[in-house]
Amino acid sequence: MLYTRIASLLLVAASLWAAPVWSKTYPLPPADSRLIGELEDYIVQEGDHLELVGKHTQIGFLALLEANPGVDPYLPTPGTRLTLPTQMLLPDVPREGIVINLPELRLYYFPKDKQEVMVLPIGIGDIGRETPEMTTTVIAKNPNPTWVPGPMVRKSWLEQKGIDLPAVVPPGPDNPLGKFAMRLGYGNRDYLIHGTNKDFGVGLRVSAGCIRLRPDDIETLFKLVPVGTPVRVINQPVKTALEPDGTRWLEVHSPLSRTEEELAEGAPLVLSAEVEQFIADPEVDSVRVMTLLNDKNGLPQPISGEVLTSI
């Protein structure tokens, strides 16, 4: 039995870019399984760059970089085969509401009374303005939101961009929150899940701490998510799964950098006691484990059982 089926997406660029973009929704696996989706690959077309590919395949920028090391993100060679990280392990938390796993820069939405999960790429807080881990709820939904940047945000915009922000930014094309925002009940209630007025930045650490989605994605999510929806923001760079057939799976992402030095050199990957115990099982292939821990490519792989090849 094959665990991963590679579906080649030989897409014509003109027709792809003209087509509507739809959110990726996956059927929920059984309760004793966490593996969803199948890997896909994409052939780079003339004029492509990774942000454009990500926008039209519903994948974040850094996720594409992780899965395709060595590919020039701005001028990829036409004909290059990219791996799309469209297979993943569900995070180890209850399957309800919104779950945001910071290291993988993904948002999972589990609609109530439906056996499916929507997976969306996100942008999160930059170094020094980190998006905190939290357990909270959506307390308000605001179409055409007004942005009230705090003093530190206004200072950073002035120093880094030369822009003197007003105390209040009204709705419109210049509003960085985009057209939709959902307020979270954490802390001072100043964290949002919102859209953006720029194409670039989703799938990166660029925000002041809020969770940023592409315009189409936030519009879809905004319509589906009711006020009171539970929200969990977690930090799980390493995800594991013991699948119903007994095979153990491992998915490893780069851990979040907390300093500029860590950003340049790579943040250390610290394994929890649960992960250490999981990979110490006698049936686990230690060579496969070390490869995944070193590569941190964000792609789930079996670490026990037969070595599988992709077709």
C-alpha atoms as a PDB file:
ATOM      1  CA  MET A   1       0.000   0.000   0.000  1.00  0.00           C
ATOM      2  CA  LEU A   2       1.300   3.454  -0.872  1.00  0.00           C
ATOM      3  CA  TYR A   3       0.960   6.190   1.748  1.00  0.00           C
ATOM      4  CA  THR A   4       1.734   9.072  -0.604  1.00  0.00           C
ATOM      5  CA  ARG A   5       0.518   9.617  -4.139  1.00  0.00           C
ATOM      6  CA  ILE A   6       2.274  12.316  -6.122  1.00  0.00           C
ATOM      7  CA  ALA A   7      -0.097  14.103  -8.467  1.00  0.00           C
ATOM      8  CA  SER A   8       1.700  16.132 -11.133  1.00  0.00           C
ATOM      9  CA  LEU A   9       0.074  19.502 -11.766  1.00  0.00           C
ATOM     10  CA  LEU A  10       1.120  20.463 -15.285  1.00  0.00           C
ATOM     11  CA  LEU A  11      -0.676  23.790 -15.321  1.00  0.00           C
ATOM     12  CA  VAL A  12      -0.778  26.403 -18.053  1.00  0.00           C
ATOM     13  CA  ALA A  13       0.183  29.671 -16.388  1.00  0.00           C
ATOM     14  CA  ALA A  14      -2.322  31.926 -18.128  1.00  0.00           C
ATOM     15  CA  SER A  15      -5.317  29.750 -17.345  1.00  0.00           C
ATOM     16  CA  LEU A  16      -4.122  29.129 -13.782  1.00  0.00           C
ATOM     17  CA  TRP A  17      -3.684  32.765 -12.896  1.00  0.00           C
ATOM     18  CA  ALA A  18      -7.096  33.660 -14.367  1.00  0.00           C
ATOM     19  CA  ALA A  19      -8.900  30.952 -12.396  1.00  0.00           C
ATOM     20  CA  PRO A  20     -10.530  31.613  -9.007  1.00  0.00           C
ATOM     21  CA  VAL A  21      -8.592  30.587  -5.915  1.00  0.00           C
ATOM     22  CA  TRP A  22     -10.292  28.138  -3.577  1.00  0.00           C
ATOM     23  CA  SER A  23      -9.385  27.168  -0.027  1.00  0.00           C
ATOM     24  CA  LYS A  24      -7.962  23.727   0.579  1.00  0.00           C
ATOM     25  CA  THR A  25     -10.382  21.517   2.509  1.00  0.00           C
ATOM     26  CA  TYR A  26      -9.558  17.949   3.461  1.00  0.00           C
ATOM     27  CA  PRO A  27     -11.759  15.115   4.756  1.00  0.00           C
ATOM     28  CA  LEU A  28     -11.053  14.421   8.405  1.00  0.00           C
ATOM     29  CA  PRO A  29      -9.286  11.109   8.981  1.00  0.00           C
ATOM     30  CA  PRO A  30     -10.503   8.686  11.669  1.00  0.00           C
ATOM     31  CA  ALA A  31      -9.904   9.682  15.275  1.00  0.00           C
ATOM     32  CA  ASP A  32      -6.861   7.376  15.484  1.00  0.00           C
ATOM     33  CA  SER A  33      -5.200   8.963  12.428  1.00  0.00           C
ATOM     34  CA  ARG A  34      -3.620  12.383  11.808  1.00  0.00           C
ATOM     35  CA  LEU A  35      -2.473  12.060   8.197  1.00  0.00           C
ATOM     36  CA  ILE A  36      -4.364  14.167   5.646  1.00  0.00           C
ATOM     37  CA  GLY A  37      -3.854  15.058   1.995  1.00  0.00           C
ATOM     38  CA  GLU A  38      -1.477  13.844  -0.662  1.00  0.00           C
ATOM     39  CA  LEU A  39       1.751  15.386  -1.913  1.00  0.00           C
ATOM     40  CA  GLU A  40       1.514  17.168  -5.221  1.00  0.00           C
ATOM     41  CA  ASP A  41       4.150  18.666  -7.443  1.00  0.00           C
ATOM     42  CA  TYR A  42       4.168  21.622  -9.789  1.00  0.00           C
ATOM     43  CA  ILE A  43       6.255  22.386 -12.867  1.00  0.00           C
ATOM     44  CA  VAL A  44       7.594  25.950 -12.849  1.00  0.00           C
ATOM     45  CA  GLN A  45       6.317  28.013 -15.764  1.00  0.00           C
ATOM     46  CA  GLU A  46       7.970  31.004 -17.417  1.00  0.00           C
ATOM     47  CA  GLY A  47       7.502  34.069 -15.212  1.00  0.00           C
ATOM     48  CA  ASP A  48       6.729  32.102 -12.031  1.00  0.00           C
ATOM     49  CA  HIS A  49       8.114  32.932  -8.598  1.00  0.00           C
ATOM     50  CA  LEU A  50       7.364  31.179  -5.327  1.00  0.00           C
ATOM     51  CA  GLU A  51       4.987  33.811  -3.972  1.00  0.00           C
ATOM     52  CA  LEU A  52       2.899  33.560  -7.140  1.00  0.00           C
ATOM     53  CA  VAL A  53       2.930  29.753  -7.054  1.00  0.00           C
ATOM     54  CA  GLY A  54       1.966  29.822  -3.380  1.00  0.00           C
ATOM     55  CA  LYS A  55      -0.891  32.243  -3.936  1.00  0.00           C
ATOM     56  CA  HIS A  56      -2.540  30.020  -6.519  1.00  0.00           C
ATOM     57  CA  THR A  57      -1.872  26.704  -4.797  1.00  0.00           C
ATOM     58  CA  GLN A  58      -2.905  27.912  -1.308  1.00  0.00           C
ATOM     59  CA  ILE A  59       0.557  27.429   0.179  1.00  0.00           C
ATOM     60  CA  GLY A  60       2.661  29.837   2.209  1.00  0.00           C
ATOM     61  CA  PHE A  61       5.982  31.221   0.988  1.00  0.00           C
ATOM     62  CA  LEU A  62       8.213  29.686   3.682  1.00  0.00           C
ATOM     63  CA  ALA A  63       6.413  26.337   3.398  1.00  0.00           C
ATOM     64  CA  LEU A  64       7.363  26.233  -0.288  1.00  0.00           C
ATOM     65  CA  LEU A  65      10.950  27.163   0.580  1.00  0.00           C
ATOM     66  CA  GLU A  66      11.171  24.428   3.229  1.00  0.00           C
ATOM     67  CA  ALA A  67       9.877  21.790   0.842  1.00  0.00           C
ATOM     68  CA  ASN A  68      12.122  22.920  -2.043  1.00  0.00           C
ATOM     69  CA  PRO A  69      15.592  23.785  -0.701  1.00  0.00           C
ATOM     70  CA  GLY A  70      17.960  25.234  -3.246  1.00  0.00           C
ATOM     71  CA  VAL A  71      15.243  26.658  -5.507  1.00  0.00           C
ATOM     72  CA  ASP A  72      15.589  30.373  -6.251  1.00  0.00           C
ATOM     73  CA  PRO A  73      12.399  31.831  -4.732  1.00  0.00           C
ATOM     74  CA  TYR A  74      12.324  34.821  -7.074  1.00  0.00           C
ATOM     75  CA  LEU A  75      13.683  33.384 -10.342  1.00  0.00           C
ATOM     76  CA  PRO A  76      13.043  29.626 -10.316  1.00  0.00           C
ATOM     77  CA  THR A  77      14.161  27.928 -13.505  1.00  0.00           C
ATOM     78  CA  PRO A  78      11.223  27.093 -15.815  1.00  0.00           C
ATOM     79  CA  GLY A  79      10.717  23.350 -15.904  1.00  0.00           C
ATOM     80  CA  THR A  80      11.808  22.871 -12.283  1.00  0.00           C
ATOM     81  CA  ARG A  81       9.611  20.405 -10.420  1.00  0.00           C
ATOM     82  CA  LEU A  82       8.441  21.849  -7.102  1.00  0.00           C
ATOM     83  CA  THR A  83       7.095  19.721  -4.274  1.00  0.00           C
ATOM     84  CA  LEU A  84       3.867  21.177  -2.901  1.00  0.00           C
ATOM     85  CA  PRO A  85       3.448  20.445   0.828  1.00  0.00           C
ATOM     86  CA  THR A  86      -0.188  19.429   0.486  1.00  0.00           C
ATOM     87  CA  GLN A  87       0.107  16.431   2.799  1.00  0.00           C
ATOM     88  CA  MET A  88       0.432  16.980   6.543  1.00  0.00           C
ATOM     89  CA  LEU A  89      -0.187  15.636  10.022  1.00  0.00           C
ATOM     90  CA  LEU A  90      -2.927  17.285  12.047  1.00  0.00           C
ATOM     91  CA  PRO A  91      -1.575  18.998  15.178  1.00  0.00           C
ATOM     92  CA  ASP A  92      -1.915  17.111  18.448  1.00  0.00           C
ATOM     93  CA  VAL A  93      -4.841  19.118  19.855  1.00  0.00           C
ATOM     94  CA  PRO A  94      -8.631  18.665  19.878  1.00  0.00           C
ATOM     95  CA  ARG A  95     -10.199  18.942  16.420  1.00  0.00           C
ATOM     96  CA  GLU A  96     -12.400  21.931  17.057  1.00  0.00           C
ATOM     97  CA  GLY A  97     -12.591  25.562  16.048  1.00  0.00           C
ATOM     98  CA  ILE A  98      -9.434  27.273  14.820  1.00  0.00           C
ATOM     99  CA  VAL A  99      -5.982  25.832  15.456  1.00  0.00           C
ATOM    100  CA  ILE A 100      -2.904  27.848  14.492  1.00  0.00           C
ATOM    101  CA  ASN A 101       0.469  26.113  14.560  1.00  0.00           C
ATOM    102  CA  LEU A 102       3.056  28.880  14.503  1.00  0.00           C
ATOM    103  CA  PRO A 103       6.157  27.027  13.191  1.00  0.00           C
ATOM    104  CA  GLU A 104       4.316  25.661  10.153  1.00  0.00           C
ATOM    105  CA  LEU A 105       2.562  28.992   9.477  1.00  0.00           C
ATOM    106  CA  ARG A 106      -0.780  27.263   8.990  1.00  0.00           C
ATOM    107  CA  LEU A 107      -4.298  27.762  10.245  1.00  0.00           C
ATOM    108  CA  TYR A 108      -6.617  24.761  10.606  1.00  0.00           C
ATOM    109  CA  TYR A 109     -10.357  25.312  10.825  1.00  0.00           C
ATOM    110  CA  PHE A 110     -12.583  22.456  11.945  1.00  0.00           C
ATOM    111  CA  PRO A 111     -16.204  23.405  11.122  1.00  0.00           C
ATOM    112  CA  LYS A 112     -18.637  22.226  13.771  1.00  0.00           C
ATOM    113  CA  ASP A 113     -20.557  19.043  12.884  1.00  0.00           C
ATOM    114  CA  LYS A 114     -18.584  18.531   9.666  1.00  0.00           C
ATOM    115  CA  GLN A 115     -16.022  15.824   8.976  1.00  0.00           C
ATOM    116  CA  GLU A 116     -13.561  18.133   7.271  1.00  0.00           C
ATOM    117  CA  VAL A 117     -10.752  20.570   7.969  1.00  0.00           C
ATOM    118  CA  MET A 118      -9.802  23.717   6.079  1.00  0.00           C
ATOM    119  CA  VAL A 119      -6.070  24.478   5.938  1.00  0.00           C
ATOM    120  CA  LEU A 120      -4.843  27.994   5.158  1.00  0.00           C
ATOM    121  CA  PRO A 121      -1.390  29.635   5.041  1.00  0.00           C
ATOM    122  CA  ILE A 122      -0.855  32.540   7.416  1.00  0.00           C
ATOM    123  CA  GLY A 123       1.600  35.276   8.310  1.00  0.00           C
ATOM    124  CA  ILE A 124       2.558  35.727  11.975  1.00  0.00           C
ATOM    125  CA  GLY A 125       4.491  38.080  14.218  1.00  0.00           C
ATOM    126  CA  ASP A 126       8.066  39.044  13.448  1.00  0.00           C
ATOM    127  CA  ILE A 127      10.997  38.660  15.853  1.00  0.00           C
ATOM    128  CA  GLY A 128      10.393  40.898  18.841  1.00  0.00           C
ATOM    129  CA  ARG A 129       6.678  41.046  18.042  1.00  0.00           C
ATOM    130  CA  GLU A 130       5.927  37.329  18.295  1.00  0.00           C
ATOM    131  CA  THR A 131       2.410  35.945  18.059  1.00  0.00           C
ATOM    132  CA  PRO A 132       1.870  34.384  21.489  1.00  0.00           C
ATOM    133  CA  GLU A 133       0.624  30.898  22.204  1.00  0.00           C
ATOM    134  CA  MET A 134      -2.912  31.134  23.515  1.00  0.00           C
ATOM    135  CA  THR A 135      -6.221  29.425  24.129  1.00  0.00           C
ATOM    136  CA  THR A 136      -9.056  31.845  23.513  1.00  0.00           C
ATOM    137  CA  THR A 137     -12.144  32.511  21.371  1.00  0.00           C
ATOM    138  CA  VAL A 138     -13.288  34.774  18.564  1.00  0.00           C
ATOM    139  CA  ILE A 139     -15.043  37.614  20.393  1.00  0.00           C
ATOM    140  CA  ALA A 140     -15.954  39.891  17.459  1.00  0.00           C
ATOM    141  CA  LYS A 141     -16.110  39.967  13.674  1.00  0.00           C
ATOM    142  CA  ASN A 142     -15.557  43.244  11.826  1.00  0.00           C
ATOM    143  CA  PRO A 143     -16.020  43.765   8.097  1.00  0.00           C
ATOM    144  CA  ASN A 144     -14.151  46.792   6.741  1.00  0.00           C
ATOM    145  CA  PRO A 145     -12.185  47.171   9.977  1.00  0.00           C
ATOM    146  CA  THR A 146     -10.538  50.347  11.206  1.00  0.00           C
ATOM    147  CA  TRP A 147      -6.886  49.972  12.229  1.00  0.00           C
ATOM    148  CA  VAL A 148      -5.617  51.681  15.376  1.00  0.00           C
ATOM    149  CA  PRO A 149      -1.820  51.124  15.342  1.00  0.00           C
ATOM    150  CA  GLY A 150      -0.132  51.228  18.727  1.00  0.00           C
ATOM    151  CA  PRO A 151       2.782  53.550  19.567  1.00  0.00           C
ATOM    152  CA  MET A 152       5.436  50.883  18.926  1.00  0.00           C
ATOM    153  CA  VAL A 153       3.921  50.009  15.549  1.00  0.00           C
ATOM    154  CA  ARG A 154       3.833  53.662  14.517  1.00  0.00           C
ATOM    155  CA  LYS A 155       7.432  54.061  15.637  1.00  0.00           C
ATOM    156  CA  SER A 156       8.632  51.022  13.699  1.00  0.00           C
ATOM    157  CA  TRP A 157       6.817  52.128  10.529  1.00  0.00           C
ATOM    158  CA  LEU A 158       8.446  55.538  10.781  1.00  0.00           C
ATOM    159  CA  GLU A 159      11.941  54.126  11.419  1.00  0.00           C
ATOM    160  CA  GLN A 160      11.822  51.231   8.949  1.00  0.00           C
ATOM    161  CA  LYS A 161       9.549  52.518   6.189  1.00  0.00           C
ATOM    162  CA  GLY A 162       9.628  56.282   6.624  1.00  0.00           C
ATOM    163  CA  ILE A 163       5.834  56.312   6.973  1.00  0.00           C
ATOM    164  CA  ASP A 164       4.228  58.457   9.663  1.00  0.00           C
ATOM    165  CA  LEU A 165       1.050  56.500  10.383  1.00  0.00           C
ATOM    166  CA  PRO A 166      -2.034  58.332  11.585  1.00  0.00           C
ATOM    167  CA  ALA A 167      -3.490  57.350  14.946  1.00  0.00           C
ATOM    168  CA  VAL A 168      -6.451  55.764  13.136  1.00  0.00           C
ATOM    169  CA  VAL A 169      -6.379  54.186   9.666  1.00  0.00           C
ATOM    170  CA  PRO A 170      -9.913  54.043   8.191  1.00  0.00           C
ATOM    171  CA  PRO A 171     -11.226  51.193   6.015  1.00  0.00           C
ATOM    172  CA  GLY A 172      -9.992  51.228   2.449  1.00  0.00           C
ATOM    173  CA  PRO A 173      -7.165  50.120   0.168  1.00  0.00           C
ATOM    174  CA  ASP A 174      -4.475  51.577   2.477  1.00  0.00           C
ATOM    175  CA  ASN A 175      -5.641  49.617   5.520  1.00  0.00           C
ATOM    176  CA  PRO A 176      -3.203  46.740   6.299  1.00  0.00           C
ATOM    177  CA  LEU A 177      -6.029  44.752   7.948  1.00  0.00           C
ATOM    178  CA  GLY A 178      -7.737  44.257   4.592  1.00  0.00           C
ATOM    179  CA  LYS A 179     -11.501  43.896   4.382  1.00  0.00           C
ATOM    180  CA  PHE A 180     -12.168  41.468   7.252  1.00  0.00           C
ATOM    181  CA  ALA A 181     -10.929  41.024  10.818  1.00  0.00           C
ATOM    182  CA  MET A 182     -11.827  38.720  13.714  1.00  0.00           C
ATOM    183  CA  ARG A 183     -10.840  39.822  17.209  1.00  0.00           C
ATOM    184  CA  LEU A 184      -9.502  37.334  19.746  1.00  0.00           C
ATOM    185  CA  GLY A 185     -10.264  37.462  23.457  1.00  0.00           C
ATOM    186  CA  TYR A 186      -6.647  37.048  24.582  1.00  0.00           C
ATOM    187  CA  GLY A 187      -4.818  39.556  26.809  1.00  0.00           C
ATOM    188  CA  ASN A 188      -5.826  43.119  25.999  1.00  0.00           C
ATOM    189  CA  ARG A 189      -7.911  41.809  23.087  1.00  0.00           C
ATOM    190  CA  ASP A 190      -5.667  43.456  20.519  1.00  0.00           C
ATOM    191  CA  TYR A 191      -4.804  40.300  18.550  1.00  0.00           C
ATOM    192  CA  LEU A 192      -6.662  39.776  15.289  1.00  0.00           C
ATOM    193  CA  ILE A 193      -7.074  37.229  12.548  1.00  0.00           C
ATOM    194  CA  HIS A 194      -7.301  39.519   9.545  1.00  0.00           C
ATOM    195  CA  GLY A 195      -6.693  40.037   5.853  1.00  0.00           C
ATOM    196  CA  THR A 196      -4.165  42.237   4.115  1.00  0.00           C
ATOM    197  CA  ASN A 197      -3.955  44.912   1.454  1.00  0.00           C
ATOM    198  CA  LYS A 198      -0.747  43.408   0.041  1.00  0.00           C
ATOM    199  CA  ASP A 199      -0.181  40.164  -1.834  1.00  0.00           C
ATOM    200  CA  PHE A 200       3.196  39.494  -0.232  1.00  0.00           C
ATOM    201  CA  GLY A 201       3.639  38.510   3.407  1.00  0.00           C
ATOM    202  CA  VAL A 202       1.401  35.489   3.942  1.00  0.00           C
ATOM    203  CA  GLY A 203       3.517  32.499   4.855  1.00  0.00           C
ATOM    204  CA  LEU A 204       6.115  34.773   6.483  1.00  0.00           C
ATOM    205  CA  ARG A 205       6.885  36.311   9.868  1.00  0.00           C
ATOM    206  CA  VAL A 206       6.102  39.924   9.072  1.00  0.00           C
ATOM    207  CA  SER A 207       3.212  41.087  11.256  1.00  0.00           C
ATOM    208  CA  ALA A 208       3.133  42.963  14.559  1.00  0.00           C
ATOM    209  CA  GLY A 209       1.767  39.828  16.245  1.00  0.00           C
ATOM    210  CA  CYS A 210      -1.574  39.331  14.527  1.00  0.00           C
ATOM    211  CA  ILE A 211      -2.446  36.430  12.215  1.00  0.00           C
ATOM    212  CA  ARG A 212      -2.595  37.496   8.572  1.00  0.00           C
ATOM    213  CA  LEU A 213      -4.396  35.705   5.716  1.00  0.00           C
ATOM    214  CA  ARG A 214      -4.686  36.324   2.008  1.00  0.00           C
ATOM    215  CA  PRO A 215      -7.784  38.350   1.026  1.00  0.00           C
ATOM    216  CA  ASP A 216      -9.704  35.405  -0.472  1.00  0.00           C
ATOM    217  CA  ASP A 217      -8.907  33.183   2.499  1.00  0.00           C
ATOM    218  CA  ILE A 218      -9.991  35.628   5.196  1.00  0.00           C
ATOM    219  CA  GLU A 219     -13.209  36.329   3.307  1.00  0.00           C
ATOM    220  CA  THR A 220     -13.997  32.599   3.180  1.00  0.00           C
ATOM    221  CA  LEU A 221     -13.076  32.065   6.831  1.00  0.00           C
ATOM    222  CA  PHE A 222     -14.937  35.179   7.985  1.00  0.00           C
ATOM    223  CA  LYS A 223     -18.185  33.869   6.500  1.00  0.00           C
ATOM    224  CA  LEU A 224     -17.818  30.453   8.149  1.00  0.00           C
ATOM    225  CA  VAL A 225     -16.539  31.216  11.653  1.00  0.00           C
ATOM    226  CA  PRO A 226     -19.134  32.258  14.258  1.00  0.00           C
ATOM    227  CA  VAL A 227     -18.384  34.481  17.235  1.00  0.00           C
ATOM    228  CA  GLY A 228     -17.459  32.268  20.181  1.00  0.00           C
ATOM    229  CA  THR A 229     -15.394  29.834  18.084  1.00  0.00           C
ATOM    230  CA  PRO A 230     -12.510  28.399  20.137  1.00  0.00           C
ATOM    231  CA  VAL A 231      -9.019  29.363  18.987  1.00  0.00           C
ATOM    232  CA  ARG A 232      -5.777  27.614  19.931  1.00  0.00           C
ATOM    233  CA  VAL A 233      -2.407  29.051  18.957  1.00  0.00           C
ATOM    234  CA  ILE A 234       0.284  26.424  19.493  1.00  0.00           C
ATOM    235  CA  ASN A 235       3.991  25.871  18.893  1.00  0.00           C
ATOM    236  CA  GLN A 236       4.558  22.357  17.516  1.00  0.00           C
ATOM    237  CA  PRO A 237       7.551  22.308  15.125  1.00  0.00           C
ATOM    238  CA  VAL A 238       7.598  18.508  15.328  1.00  0.00           C
ATOM    239  CA  LYS A 239       4.424  16.519  14.731  1.00  0.00           C
ATOM    240  CA  THR A 240       4.047  12.764  15.080  1.00  0.00           C
ATOM    241  CA  ALA A 241       1.412  10.179  14.262  1.00  0.00           C
ATOM    242  CA  LEU A 242       0.930   6.488  14.912  1.00  0.00           C
ATOM    243  CA  GLU A 243      -1.366   5.519  12.065  1.00  0.00           C
ATOM    244  CA  PRO A 244      -3.989   2.733  12.241  1.00  0.00           C
ATOM    245  CA  ASP A 245      -1.742   0.314  10.297  1.00  0.00           C
ATOM    246  CA  GLY A 246       0.969   0.720  12.953  1.00  0.00           C
ATOM    247  CA  THR A 247       3.255   2.948  10.884  1.00  0.00           C
ATOM    248  CA  ARG A 248       4.902   5.855  12.677  1.00  0.00           C
ATOM    249  CA  TRP A 249       5.072   9.223  10.878  1.00  0.00           C
ATOM    250  CA  LEU A 250       7.158  12.316  11.551  1.00  0.00           C
ATOM    251  CA  GLU A 251       6.840  15.894  10.239  1.00  0.00           C
ATOM    252  CA  VAL A 252       9.484  18.490  11.133  1.00  0.00           C
ATOM    253  CA  HIS A 253       9.400  22.257  10.596  1.00  0.00           C
ATOM    254  CA  SER A 254      12.022  24.868  11.409  1.00  0.00           C
ATOM    255  CA  PRO A 255      11.478  26.120  14.959  1.00  0.00           C
ATOM    256  CA  LEU A 256      10.658  29.775  15.500  1.00  0.00           C
ATOM    257  CA  SER A 257      13.667  32.083  15.791  1.00  0.00           C
ATOM    258  CA  ARG A 258      13.584  34.378  18.816  1.00  0.00           C
ATOM    259  CA  THR A 259      16.637  36.518  18.011  1.00  0.00           C
ATOM    260  CA  GLU A 260      18.352  37.882  14.910  1.00  0.00           C
ATOM    261  CA  GLU A 261      21.234  35.496  15.612  1.00  0.00           C
ATOM    262  CA  GLU A 262      18.888  32.514  15.604  1.00  0.00           C
ATOM    263  CA  LEU A 263      17.320  33.813  12.405  1.00  0.00           C
ATOM    264  CA  ALA A 264      20.737  33.850  10.721  1.00  0.00           C
ATOM    265  CA  GLU A 265      22.015  30.544  12.112  1.00  0.00           C
ATOM    266  CA  GLY A 266      18.775  28.640  12.630  1.00  0.00           C
ATOM    267  CA  ALA A 267      16.949  28.221  15.918  1.00  0.00           C
ATOM    268  CA  PRO A 268      17.749  25.052  17.866  1.00  0.00           C
ATOM    269  CA  LEU A 269      15.249  22.226  17.544  1.00  0.00           C
ATOM    270  CA  VAL A 270      14.281  21.038  21.020  1.00  0.00           C
ATOM    271  CA  LEU A 271      12.401  17.739  21.158  1.00  0.00           C
ATOM    272  CA  SER A 272       9.748  17.214  23.799  1.00  0.00           C
ATOM    273  CA  ALA A 273       9.816  14.141  26.012  1.00  0.00           C
ATOM    274  CA  GLU A 274       6.840  12.766  24.081  1.00  0.00           C
ATOM    275  CA  VAL A 275       8.644  13.100  20.744  1.00  0.00           C
ATOM    276  CA  GLU A 276      11.830  11.572  22.185  1.00  0.00           C
ATOM    277  CA  GLN A 277       9.827   8.571  23.368  1.00  0.00           C
ATOM    278  CA  PHE A 278       8.014   8.307  20.026  1.00  0.00           C
ATOM    279  CA  ILE A 279      11.196   8.161  17.924  1.00  0.00           C
ATOM    280  CA  ALA A 280      12.908   5.795  20.393  1.00  0.00           C
ATOM    281  CA  ASP A 281      10.517   2.983  19.488  1.00  0.00           C
ATOM    282  CA  PRO A 282      12.508  -0.092  18.335  1.00  0.00           C
ATOM    283  CA  GLU A 283      10.638  -0.224  15.004  1.00  0.00           C
ATOM    284  CA  VAL A 284      11.707   3.295  14.070  1.00  0.00           C
ATOM    285  CA  ASP A 285      14.423   3.784  11.450  1.00  0.00           C
ATOM    286  CA  SER A 286      16.888   6.145  13.171  1.00  0.00           C
ATOM    287  CA  VAL A 287      18.512   7.145   9.868  1.00  0.00           C
ATOM    288  CA  ARG A 288      15.186   8.370   8.499  1.00  0.00           C
ATOM    289  CA  VAL A 289      14.546  10.234  11.758  1.00  0.00           C
ATOM    290  CA  MET A 290      17.906  12.025  11.665  1.00  0.00           C
ATOM    291  CA  THR A 291      17.372  12.975   8.014  1.00  0.00           C
ATOM    292  CA  LEU A 292      14.016  14.558   8.818  1.00  0.00           C
ATOM    293  CA  LEU A 293      15.337  16.349  11.918  1.00  0.00           C
ATOM    294  CA  ASN A 294      18.204  17.778   9.894  1.00  0.00           C
ATOM    295  CA  ASP A 295      16.246  18.692   6.753  1.00  0.00           C
ATOM    296  CA  LYS A 296      13.212  20.260   8.492  1.00  0.00           C
ATOM    297  CA  ASN A 297      11.375  20.255   5.169  1.00  0.00           C
ATOM    298  CA  GLY A 298       7.848  20.212   6.622  1.00  0.00           C
ATOM    299  CA  LEU A 299       6.886  17.055   4.719  1.00  0.00           C
ATOM    300  CA  PRO A 300       5.448  14.108   6.692  1.00  0.00           C
ATOM    301  CA  GLN A 301       7.313  10.841   6.194  1.00  0.00           C
ATOM    302  CA  PRO A 302       6.975   7.305   7.572  1.00  0.00           C
ATOM    303  CA  ILE A 303       9.812   6.446   9.952  1.00  0.00           C
ATOM    304  CA  SER A 304       8.887   2.800  10.446  1.00  0.00           C
ATOM    305  CA  GLY A 305       7.831   0.027   8.115  1.00  0.00           C
ATOM    306  CA  GLU A 306       8.915  -0.416   4.503  1.00  0.00           C
ATOM    307  CA  VAL A 307      10.790   2.307   2.682  1.00  0.00           C
ATOM    308  CA  LEU A 308       8.293   3.819   0.286  1.00  0.00           C
ATOM    309  CA  THR A 309       8.883   5.314  -3.132  1.00  0.00           C
ATOM    310  CA  SER A 310       6.716   7.990  -4.724  1.00  0.00           C
ATOM    311  CA  ILE A 311       5.026   7.580  -8.093  1.00  0.00           C
END
